[in-house]
Amino acid sequence: MKRTLLFLLLLLLPFAGWAQRAERDTTQRQRGSRMESTTSGARLALSHAEYDFGAVDRRGGDLCYELTFSNEGTTPLVLTRVITSCTCLKSEFSKRPIPAGGVGKIRLTYQPLKAEPGAFHKVVQILSNSSAGRELFTIRGKSIDYKQKNE
């Protein structure tokens, strides 16, 4: 019996400080993220998180929207990539660095003819050297086939 208890004790000994180490690591990560957001670095801030086109004619042509963002950090902000959730949504952006306090734009073009009629909800991922690394923006609306409806 003593041998079994001793064996279990030796087996579990490395895990004895596990909870304390996990709590300490979590606290350090939280402090690190707070420090990161208040100290130097680039910080991308979107003017808003989504845009609604409303009801649009599916055959009425492309819809364009310019998303405005700013760099609220202390170092230049560089957009590395803008990923859209569908081939019916295109993006254009400048690869030039946005200085601290500066403003930039991303031009988004939605092509309703390439998508099915009805409600749409598209997501745009903006990857950059910002402290967050990735921001999300959504475009929504309702694409209607007016010609079929009137015939």
N, C-alpha and C. Protein backbone atom coordinates (compact mmCIF):
# COMPACT_ATOMS: atom_id res chain seq x y z
N MET A 1 0.82 -1.19 0.00
CA MET A 1 0.00 0.00 0.00
C MET A 1 0.86 1.25 0.00
N LYS A 2 1.94 1.24 0.85
CA LYS A 2 2.84 2.39 0.90
C LYS A 2 3.53 2.59 -0.44
N ARG A 3 3.92 1.49 -1.05
CA ARG A 3 4.60 1.59 -2.34
C ARG A 3 3.67 2.18 -3.40
N THR A 4 2.41 1.79 -3.39
CA THR A 4 1.44 2.31 -4.35
C THR A 4 1.24 3.80 -4.16
N LEU A 5 1.10 4.23 -2.90
CA LEU A 5 0.94 5.66 -2.61
C LEU A 5 2.20 6.44 -3.01
N LEU A 6 3.35 5.89 -2.71
CA LEU A 6 4.61 6.55 -3.08
C LEU A 6 4.74 6.64 -4.60
N PHE A 7 4.35 5.58 -5.29
CA PHE A 7 4.41 5.58 -6.75
C PHE A 7 3.48 6.64 -7.34
N LEU A 8 2.25 6.71 -6.81
CA LEU A 8 1.29 7.71 -7.29
C LEU A 8 1.78 9.13 -7.00
N LEU A 9 2.36 9.32 -5.83
CA LEU A 9 2.88 10.63 -5.46
C LEU A 9 4.00 11.05 -6.41
N LEU A 10 4.91 10.16 -6.70
CA LEU A 10 6.00 10.46 -7.63
C LEU A 10 5.48 10.69 -9.04
N LEU A 11 4.43 9.98 -9.39
CA LEU A 11 3.85 10.12 -10.72
C LEU A 11 3.15 11.47 -10.89
N LEU A 12 2.47 11.91 -9.84
CA LEU A 12 1.69 13.15 -9.92
C LEU A 12 2.49 14.39 -9.52
N LEU A 13 3.66 14.24 -8.97
CA LEU A 13 4.47 15.37 -8.52
C LEU A 13 4.75 16.41 -9.60
N PRO A 14 5.08 16.02 -10.83
CA PRO A 14 5.32 17.04 -11.86
C PRO A 14 4.09 17.90 -12.18
N PHE A 15 2.90 17.38 -11.91
CA PHE A 15 1.67 18.12 -12.21
C PHE A 15 1.19 18.96 -11.04
N ALA A 16 1.87 18.93 -9.92
CA ALA A 16 1.41 19.63 -8.72
C ALA A 16 1.33 21.14 -8.93
N GLY A 17 2.27 21.73 -9.62
CA GLY A 17 2.27 23.18 -9.83
C GLY A 17 1.63 23.61 -11.13
N TRP A 18 0.98 22.68 -11.82
CA TRP A 18 0.41 22.97 -13.13
C TRP A 18 -0.63 24.09 -13.09
N ALA A 19 -1.55 24.05 -12.16
CA ALA A 19 -2.62 25.06 -12.09
C ALA A 19 -2.02 26.43 -11.79
N GLN A 20 -1.05 26.48 -10.89
CA GLN A 20 -0.42 27.76 -10.56
C GLN A 20 0.33 28.31 -11.77
N ARG A 21 1.05 27.45 -12.50
CA ARG A 21 1.78 27.91 -13.68
C ARG A 21 0.81 28.40 -14.75
N ALA A 22 -0.28 27.70 -14.96
CA ALA A 22 -1.27 28.10 -15.97
C ALA A 22 -1.87 29.45 -15.61
N GLU A 23 -2.18 29.67 -14.34
CA GLU A 23 -2.74 30.95 -13.91
C GLU A 23 -1.73 32.07 -14.09
N ARG A 24 -0.47 31.82 -13.75
CA ARG A 24 0.59 32.82 -13.90
C ARG A 24 0.80 33.18 -15.37
N ASP A 25 0.79 32.16 -16.26
CA ASP A 25 0.96 32.41 -17.69
C ASP A 25 -0.20 33.24 -18.25
N THR A 26 -1.42 32.92 -17.82
CA THR A 26 -2.59 33.67 -18.27
C THR A 26 -2.50 35.13 -17.83
N THR A 27 -2.11 35.36 -16.59
CA THR A 27 -1.96 36.72 -16.08
C THR A 27 -0.91 37.49 -16.87
N GLN A 28 0.21 36.85 -17.17
CA GLN A 28 1.26 37.51 -17.94
C GLN A 28 0.79 37.84 -19.35
N ARG A 29 0.02 36.93 -19.98
CA ARG A 29 -0.51 37.20 -21.32
C ARG A 29 -1.48 38.36 -21.30
N GLN A 30 -2.32 38.42 -20.27
CA GLN A 30 -3.28 39.53 -20.16
C GLN A 30 -2.55 40.84 -19.97
N ARG A 31 -1.56 40.84 -19.11
CA ARG A 31 -0.77 42.07 -18.91
C ARG A 31 -0.06 42.45 -20.20
N GLY A 32 0.48 41.46 -20.91
CA GLY A 32 1.18 41.72 -22.16
C GLY A 32 0.27 42.33 -23.20
N SER A 33 -0.96 41.83 -23.33
CA SER A 33 -1.88 42.38 -24.33
C SER A 33 -2.31 43.78 -23.95
N ARG A 34 -2.50 44.05 -22.66
CA ARG A 34 -2.85 45.41 -22.24
C ARG A 34 -1.70 46.36 -22.52
N MET A 35 -0.49 45.91 -22.24
CA MET A 35 0.68 46.76 -22.49
C MET A 35 0.84 47.00 -23.98
N GLU A 36 0.61 45.97 -24.79
CA GLU A 36 0.77 46.09 -26.23
C GLU A 36 -0.20 47.12 -26.80
N SER A 37 -1.43 47.16 -26.29
CA SER A 37 -2.41 48.08 -26.84
C SER A 37 -2.15 49.52 -26.40
N THR A 38 -1.44 49.73 -25.31
CA THR A 38 -1.20 51.09 -24.85
C THR A 38 0.19 51.60 -25.22
N THR A 39 1.08 50.73 -25.64
CA THR A 39 2.42 51.17 -25.99
C THR A 39 2.55 51.30 -27.50
N SER A 40 3.78 51.27 -27.97
CA SER A 40 4.04 51.52 -29.38
C SER A 40 3.51 50.41 -30.28
N GLY A 41 3.40 50.74 -31.56
CA GLY A 41 2.94 49.79 -32.55
C GLY A 41 1.85 50.40 -33.41
N ALA A 42 1.55 49.73 -34.50
CA ALA A 42 0.48 50.18 -35.39
C ALA A 42 -0.85 49.66 -34.85
N ARG A 43 -1.90 50.43 -35.05
CA ARG A 43 -3.24 50.02 -34.60
C ARG A 43 -4.28 50.44 -35.63
N LEU A 44 -4.87 49.46 -36.31
CA LEU A 44 -5.88 49.71 -37.33
C LEU A 44 -7.23 49.91 -36.65
N ALA A 45 -7.90 51.01 -36.98
CA ALA A 45 -9.23 51.29 -36.43
C ALA A 45 -10.17 51.57 -37.59
N LEU A 46 -11.19 50.72 -37.75
CA LEU A 46 -12.17 50.89 -38.81
C LEU A 46 -13.16 51.98 -38.42
N SER A 47 -13.68 52.70 -39.43
CA SER A 47 -14.68 53.74 -39.15
C SER A 47 -15.97 53.10 -38.64
N HIS A 48 -16.31 51.90 -39.11
CA HIS A 48 -17.44 51.11 -38.62
C HIS A 48 -17.23 49.66 -39.05
N ALA A 49 -17.99 48.75 -38.47
CA ALA A 49 -17.75 47.31 -38.68
C ALA A 49 -18.54 46.70 -39.82
N GLU A 50 -19.58 47.40 -40.33
CA GLU A 50 -20.37 46.83 -41.42
C GLU A 50 -21.03 47.92 -42.24
N TYR A 51 -21.45 47.52 -43.45
CA TYR A 51 -22.17 48.43 -44.33
C TYR A 51 -23.31 47.67 -44.98
N ASP A 52 -24.49 48.31 -45.06
CA ASP A 52 -25.66 47.68 -45.66
C ASP A 52 -26.03 48.42 -46.95
N PHE A 53 -25.97 47.72 -48.09
CA PHE A 53 -26.35 48.30 -49.37
C PHE A 53 -27.87 48.43 -49.50
N GLY A 54 -28.61 47.70 -48.70
CA GLY A 54 -30.07 47.71 -48.82
C GLY A 54 -30.50 46.83 -49.98
N ALA A 55 -31.67 47.12 -50.55
CA ALA A 55 -32.17 46.36 -51.71
C ALA A 55 -31.56 46.93 -52.98
N VAL A 56 -30.95 46.06 -53.77
CA VAL A 56 -30.27 46.48 -55.00
C VAL A 56 -30.72 45.61 -56.17
N ASP A 57 -30.71 46.21 -57.36
CA ASP A 57 -31.05 45.46 -58.58
C ASP A 57 -29.89 44.55 -58.92
N ARG A 58 -30.17 43.27 -59.06
CA ARG A 58 -29.13 42.29 -59.35
C ARG A 58 -28.43 42.58 -60.67
N ARG A 59 -29.16 43.13 -61.64
CA ARG A 59 -28.57 43.41 -62.95
C ARG A 59 -28.25 44.89 -63.14
N GLY A 60 -28.20 45.62 -62.05
CA GLY A 60 -27.97 47.06 -62.13
C GLY A 60 -26.51 47.47 -62.18
N GLY A 61 -25.60 46.53 -62.15
CA GLY A 61 -24.17 46.86 -62.21
C GLY A 61 -23.50 46.67 -60.86
N ASP A 62 -22.20 46.92 -60.85
CA ASP A 62 -21.39 46.74 -59.65
C ASP A 62 -21.69 47.82 -58.61
N LEU A 63 -21.56 47.44 -57.35
CA LEU A 63 -21.75 48.36 -56.24
C LEU A 63 -20.39 48.62 -55.59
N CYS A 64 -20.05 49.88 -55.39
CA CYS A 64 -18.75 50.22 -54.81
C CYS A 64 -18.94 50.88 -53.45
N TYR A 65 -17.99 50.61 -52.56
CA TYR A 65 -17.99 51.23 -51.24
C TYR A 65 -16.55 51.45 -50.84
N GLU A 66 -16.25 52.63 -50.30
CA GLU A 66 -14.90 52.91 -49.81
C GLU A 66 -14.91 52.86 -48.29
N LEU A 67 -14.21 51.88 -47.76
CA LEU A 67 -14.08 51.69 -46.33
C LEU A 67 -12.94 52.56 -45.82
N THR A 68 -13.22 53.41 -44.87
CA THR A 68 -12.20 54.30 -44.31
C THR A 68 -11.69 53.72 -43.00
N PHE A 69 -10.39 53.78 -42.81
CA PHE A 69 -9.78 53.33 -41.56
C PHE A 69 -8.68 54.30 -41.17
N SER A 70 -8.24 54.21 -39.93
CA SER A 70 -7.17 55.08 -39.47
C SER A 70 -6.14 54.28 -38.70
N ASN A 71 -4.96 54.85 -38.57
CA ASN A 71 -3.89 54.25 -37.78
C ASN A 71 -3.83 55.00 -36.46
N GLU A 72 -4.33 54.39 -35.40
CA GLU A 72 -4.32 55.01 -34.08
C GLU A 72 -3.10 54.61 -33.27
N GLY A 73 -2.12 54.01 -33.92
CA GLY A 73 -0.90 53.59 -33.25
C GLY A 73 0.19 54.64 -33.35
N THR A 74 1.40 54.22 -33.00
CA THR A 74 2.54 55.14 -33.00
C THR A 74 3.55 54.84 -34.10
N THR A 75 3.37 53.72 -34.80
CA THR A 75 4.26 53.38 -35.91
C THR A 75 3.43 53.23 -37.18
N PRO A 76 4.06 53.27 -38.35
CA PRO A 76 3.31 53.14 -39.61
C PRO A 76 2.55 51.81 -39.71
N LEU A 77 1.36 51.89 -40.28
CA LEU A 77 0.49 50.73 -40.48
C LEU A 77 0.62 50.27 -41.92
N VAL A 78 0.80 48.97 -42.12
CA VAL A 78 0.92 48.42 -43.47
C VAL A 78 -0.13 47.32 -43.62
N LEU A 79 -1.02 47.48 -44.60
CA LEU A 79 -1.98 46.42 -44.92
C LEU A 79 -1.23 45.37 -45.73
N THR A 80 -1.27 44.13 -45.29
CA THR A 80 -0.57 43.08 -46.01
C THR A 80 -1.47 42.33 -46.98
N ARG A 81 -2.76 42.21 -46.60
CA ARG A 81 -3.68 41.46 -47.45
C ARG A 81 -5.11 41.78 -47.06
N VAL A 82 -6.00 41.77 -48.05
CA VAL A 82 -7.43 41.92 -47.80
C VAL A 82 -8.10 40.71 -48.45
N ILE A 83 -8.74 39.88 -47.63
CA ILE A 83 -9.34 38.63 -48.10
C ILE A 83 -10.86 38.79 -48.08
N THR A 84 -11.50 38.46 -49.20
CA THR A 84 -12.95 38.53 -49.28
C THR A 84 -13.52 37.11 -49.24
N SER A 85 -14.75 36.98 -48.75
CA SER A 85 -15.35 35.66 -48.57
C SER A 85 -15.98 35.10 -49.85
N CYS A 86 -15.95 35.86 -50.94
CA CYS A 86 -16.63 35.42 -52.16
C CYS A 86 -15.93 36.04 -53.37
N THR A 87 -16.00 35.37 -54.52
CA THR A 87 -15.40 35.93 -55.73
C THR A 87 -16.23 37.08 -56.29
N CYS A 88 -17.43 37.27 -55.76
CA CYS A 88 -18.28 38.38 -56.21
C CYS A 88 -17.92 39.69 -55.51
N LEU A 89 -16.96 39.65 -54.61
CA LEU A 89 -16.52 40.84 -53.87
C LEU A 89 -15.03 41.04 -54.11
N LYS A 90 -14.66 42.18 -54.67
CA LYS A 90 -13.26 42.50 -54.97
C LYS A 90 -12.79 43.63 -54.05
N SER A 91 -11.50 43.68 -53.81
CA SER A 91 -10.95 44.75 -52.97
C SER A 91 -9.71 45.35 -53.63
N GLU A 92 -9.53 46.65 -53.39
CA GLU A 92 -8.34 47.36 -53.84
C GLU A 92 -7.86 48.21 -52.67
N PHE A 93 -6.54 48.19 -52.44
CA PHE A 93 -5.99 48.99 -51.35
C PHE A 93 -4.55 49.35 -51.65
N SER A 94 -4.10 50.41 -51.02
CA SER A 94 -2.73 50.86 -51.21
C SER A 94 -1.79 50.06 -50.31
N LYS A 95 -0.65 49.71 -50.86
CA LYS A 95 0.34 48.98 -50.07
C LYS A 95 1.32 49.92 -49.38
N ARG A 96 1.11 51.22 -49.56
CA ARG A 96 1.97 52.20 -48.90
C ARG A 96 1.64 52.27 -47.41
N PRO A 97 2.66 52.47 -46.57
CA PRO A 97 2.41 52.57 -45.12
C PRO A 97 1.56 53.80 -44.78
N ILE A 98 0.67 53.63 -43.82
CA ILE A 98 -0.16 54.72 -43.31
C ILE A 98 0.54 55.23 -42.05
N PRO A 99 0.97 56.49 -42.02
CA PRO A 99 1.68 56.98 -40.85
C PRO A 99 0.78 57.02 -39.61
N ALA A 100 1.39 57.12 -38.44
CA ALA A 100 0.63 57.23 -37.19
C ALA A 100 -0.31 58.42 -37.28
N GLY A 101 -1.59 58.21 -36.97
CA GLY A 101 -2.59 59.26 -37.07
C GLY A 101 -3.14 59.44 -38.47
N GLY A 102 -2.63 58.70 -39.43
CA GLY A 102 -3.06 58.83 -40.82
C GLY A 102 -4.33 58.04 -41.12
N VAL A 103 -4.89 58.31 -42.30
CA VAL A 103 -6.14 57.68 -42.74
C VAL A 103 -5.90 56.98 -44.07
N GLY A 104 -6.54 55.82 -44.24
CA GLY A 104 -6.45 55.08 -45.49
C GLY A 104 -7.82 54.61 -45.93
N LYS A 105 -7.88 54.07 -47.16
CA LYS A 105 -9.15 53.59 -47.71
C LYS A 105 -8.96 52.25 -48.39
N ILE A 106 -10.00 51.44 -48.31
CA ILE A 106 -10.06 50.17 -49.04
C ILE A 106 -11.30 50.27 -49.92
N ARG A 107 -11.12 50.07 -51.20
CA ARG A 107 -12.25 50.14 -52.13
C ARG A 107 -12.79 48.73 -52.32
N LEU A 108 -14.07 48.53 -51.98
CA LEU A 108 -14.73 47.24 -52.10
C LEU A 108 -15.76 47.31 -53.22
N THR A 109 -15.74 46.33 -54.11
CA THR A 109 -16.68 46.29 -55.23
C THR A 109 -17.44 44.97 -55.17
N TYR A 110 -18.76 45.09 -55.00
CA TYR A 110 -19.62 43.91 -54.97
C TYR A 110 -20.29 43.76 -56.33
N GLN A 111 -20.24 42.57 -56.89
CA GLN A 111 -20.82 42.28 -58.20
C GLN A 111 -22.04 41.39 -58.00
N PRO A 112 -23.24 41.99 -57.88
CA PRO A 112 -24.44 41.20 -57.57
C PRO A 112 -24.81 40.19 -58.65
N LEU A 113 -24.43 40.44 -59.89
CA LEU A 113 -24.77 39.53 -60.98
C LEU A 113 -24.07 38.17 -60.82
N LYS A 114 -22.93 38.16 -60.13
CA LYS A 114 -22.18 36.92 -59.94
C LYS A 114 -22.74 36.07 -58.81
N ALA A 115 -23.65 36.62 -58.02
CA ALA A 115 -24.21 35.88 -56.88
C ALA A 115 -25.69 35.60 -57.12
N GLU A 116 -26.22 34.71 -56.34
CA GLU A 116 -27.64 34.36 -56.42
C GLU A 116 -28.49 35.52 -55.89
N PRO A 117 -29.71 35.69 -56.41
CA PRO A 117 -30.58 36.73 -55.86
C PRO A 117 -30.97 36.38 -54.43
N GLY A 118 -31.25 37.41 -53.66
CA GLY A 118 -31.63 37.23 -52.26
C GLY A 118 -30.68 37.97 -51.34
N ALA A 119 -30.81 37.72 -50.07
CA ALA A 119 -29.97 38.39 -49.08
C ALA A 119 -28.52 37.94 -49.22
N PHE A 120 -27.62 38.88 -49.05
CA PHE A 120 -26.19 38.53 -49.07
C PHE A 120 -25.52 39.11 -47.83
N HIS A 121 -24.49 38.41 -47.41
CA HIS A 121 -23.70 38.79 -46.24
C HIS A 121 -22.27 38.35 -46.53
N LYS A 122 -21.41 39.30 -46.81
CA LYS A 122 -20.03 38.98 -47.20
C LYS A 122 -19.07 39.53 -46.14
N VAL A 123 -18.02 38.78 -45.88
CA VAL A 123 -17.04 39.15 -44.86
C VAL A 123 -15.72 39.51 -45.53
N VAL A 124 -15.11 40.58 -45.04
CA VAL A 124 -13.81 41.03 -45.52
C VAL A 124 -12.84 40.95 -44.34
N GLN A 125 -11.73 40.23 -44.54
CA GLN A 125 -10.68 40.16 -43.52
C GLN A 125 -9.56 41.09 -43.92
N ILE A 126 -9.15 41.96 -43.01
CA ILE A 126 -8.08 42.91 -43.29
C ILE A 126 -6.88 42.52 -42.43
N LEU A 127 -5.84 42.04 -43.10
CA LEU A 127 -4.62 41.62 -42.40
C LEU A 127 -3.59 42.74 -42.48
N SER A 128 -2.93 43.00 -41.36
CA SER A 128 -1.97 44.10 -41.32
C SER A 128 -0.94 43.85 -40.23
N ASN A 129 -0.03 44.81 -40.06
CA ASN A 129 0.94 44.73 -38.98
C ASN A 129 0.39 45.35 -37.70
N SER A 130 -0.90 45.54 -37.63
CA SER A 130 -1.58 46.09 -36.46
C SER A 130 -1.40 45.16 -35.26
N SER A 131 -1.57 45.69 -34.07
CA SER A 131 -1.42 44.87 -32.87
C SER A 131 -2.44 43.74 -32.85
N ALA A 132 -3.63 43.95 -33.41
CA ALA A 132 -4.64 42.89 -33.48
C ALA A 132 -4.30 41.90 -34.59
N GLY A 133 -3.68 42.35 -35.66
CA GLY A 133 -3.30 41.48 -36.76
C GLY A 133 -4.38 41.30 -37.81
N ARG A 134 -5.64 41.22 -37.38
CA ARG A 134 -6.74 40.99 -38.32
C ARG A 134 -7.99 41.73 -37.83
N GLU A 135 -8.64 42.40 -38.76
CA GLU A 135 -9.92 43.06 -38.49
C GLU A 135 -10.94 42.51 -39.47
N LEU A 136 -12.20 42.46 -39.06
CA LEU A 136 -13.28 41.97 -39.91
C LEU A 136 -14.25 43.09 -40.24
N PHE A 137 -14.73 43.09 -41.48
CA PHE A 137 -15.72 44.05 -41.94
C PHE A 137 -16.75 43.27 -42.73
N THR A 138 -18.03 43.60 -42.59
CA THR A 138 -19.06 42.87 -43.33
C THR A 138 -19.87 43.80 -44.23
N ILE A 139 -20.27 43.24 -45.35
CA ILE A 139 -21.14 43.94 -46.29
C ILE A 139 -22.40 43.09 -46.41
N ARG A 140 -23.55 43.74 -46.37
CA ARG A 140 -24.80 43.01 -46.47
C ARG A 140 -25.78 43.77 -47.34
N GLY A 141 -26.85 43.11 -47.71
CA GLY A 141 -27.89 43.72 -48.51
C GLY A 141 -28.82 42.67 -49.06
N LYS A 142 -29.65 43.08 -50.00
CA LYS A 142 -30.57 42.14 -50.65
C LYS A 142 -30.55 42.40 -52.14
N SER A 143 -30.19 41.40 -52.89
CA SER A 143 -30.11 41.47 -54.35
C SER A 143 -31.44 40.98 -54.92
N ILE A 144 -32.08 41.83 -55.75
CA ILE A 144 -33.40 41.51 -56.29
C ILE A 144 -33.34 41.51 -57.81
N ASP A 145 -33.99 40.53 -58.43
CA ASP A 145 -34.10 40.45 -59.89
C ASP A 145 -35.36 41.20 -60.30
N TYR A 146 -35.26 42.50 -60.54
CA TYR A 146 -36.42 43.33 -60.85
C TYR A 146 -37.07 42.94 -62.18
N LYS A 147 -36.28 42.56 -63.17
CA LYS A 147 -36.83 42.22 -64.48
C LYS A 147 -37.75 41.02 -64.41
N GLN A 148 -37.35 39.99 -63.68
CA GLN A 148 -38.19 38.80 -63.54
C GLN A 148 -39.43 39.12 -62.73
N LYS A 149 -39.33 40.00 -61.76
CA LYS A 149 -40.45 40.35 -60.91
C LYS A 149 -41.51 41.11 -61.71
N ASN A 150 -41.10 41.99 -62.66
CA ASN A 150 -42.03 42.80 -63.42
C ASN A 150 -42.63 42.10 -64.63
N GLU A 151 -42.02 41.00 -65.07
CA GLU A 151 -42.51 40.30 -66.26
C GLU A 151 -43.74 39.47 -65.99
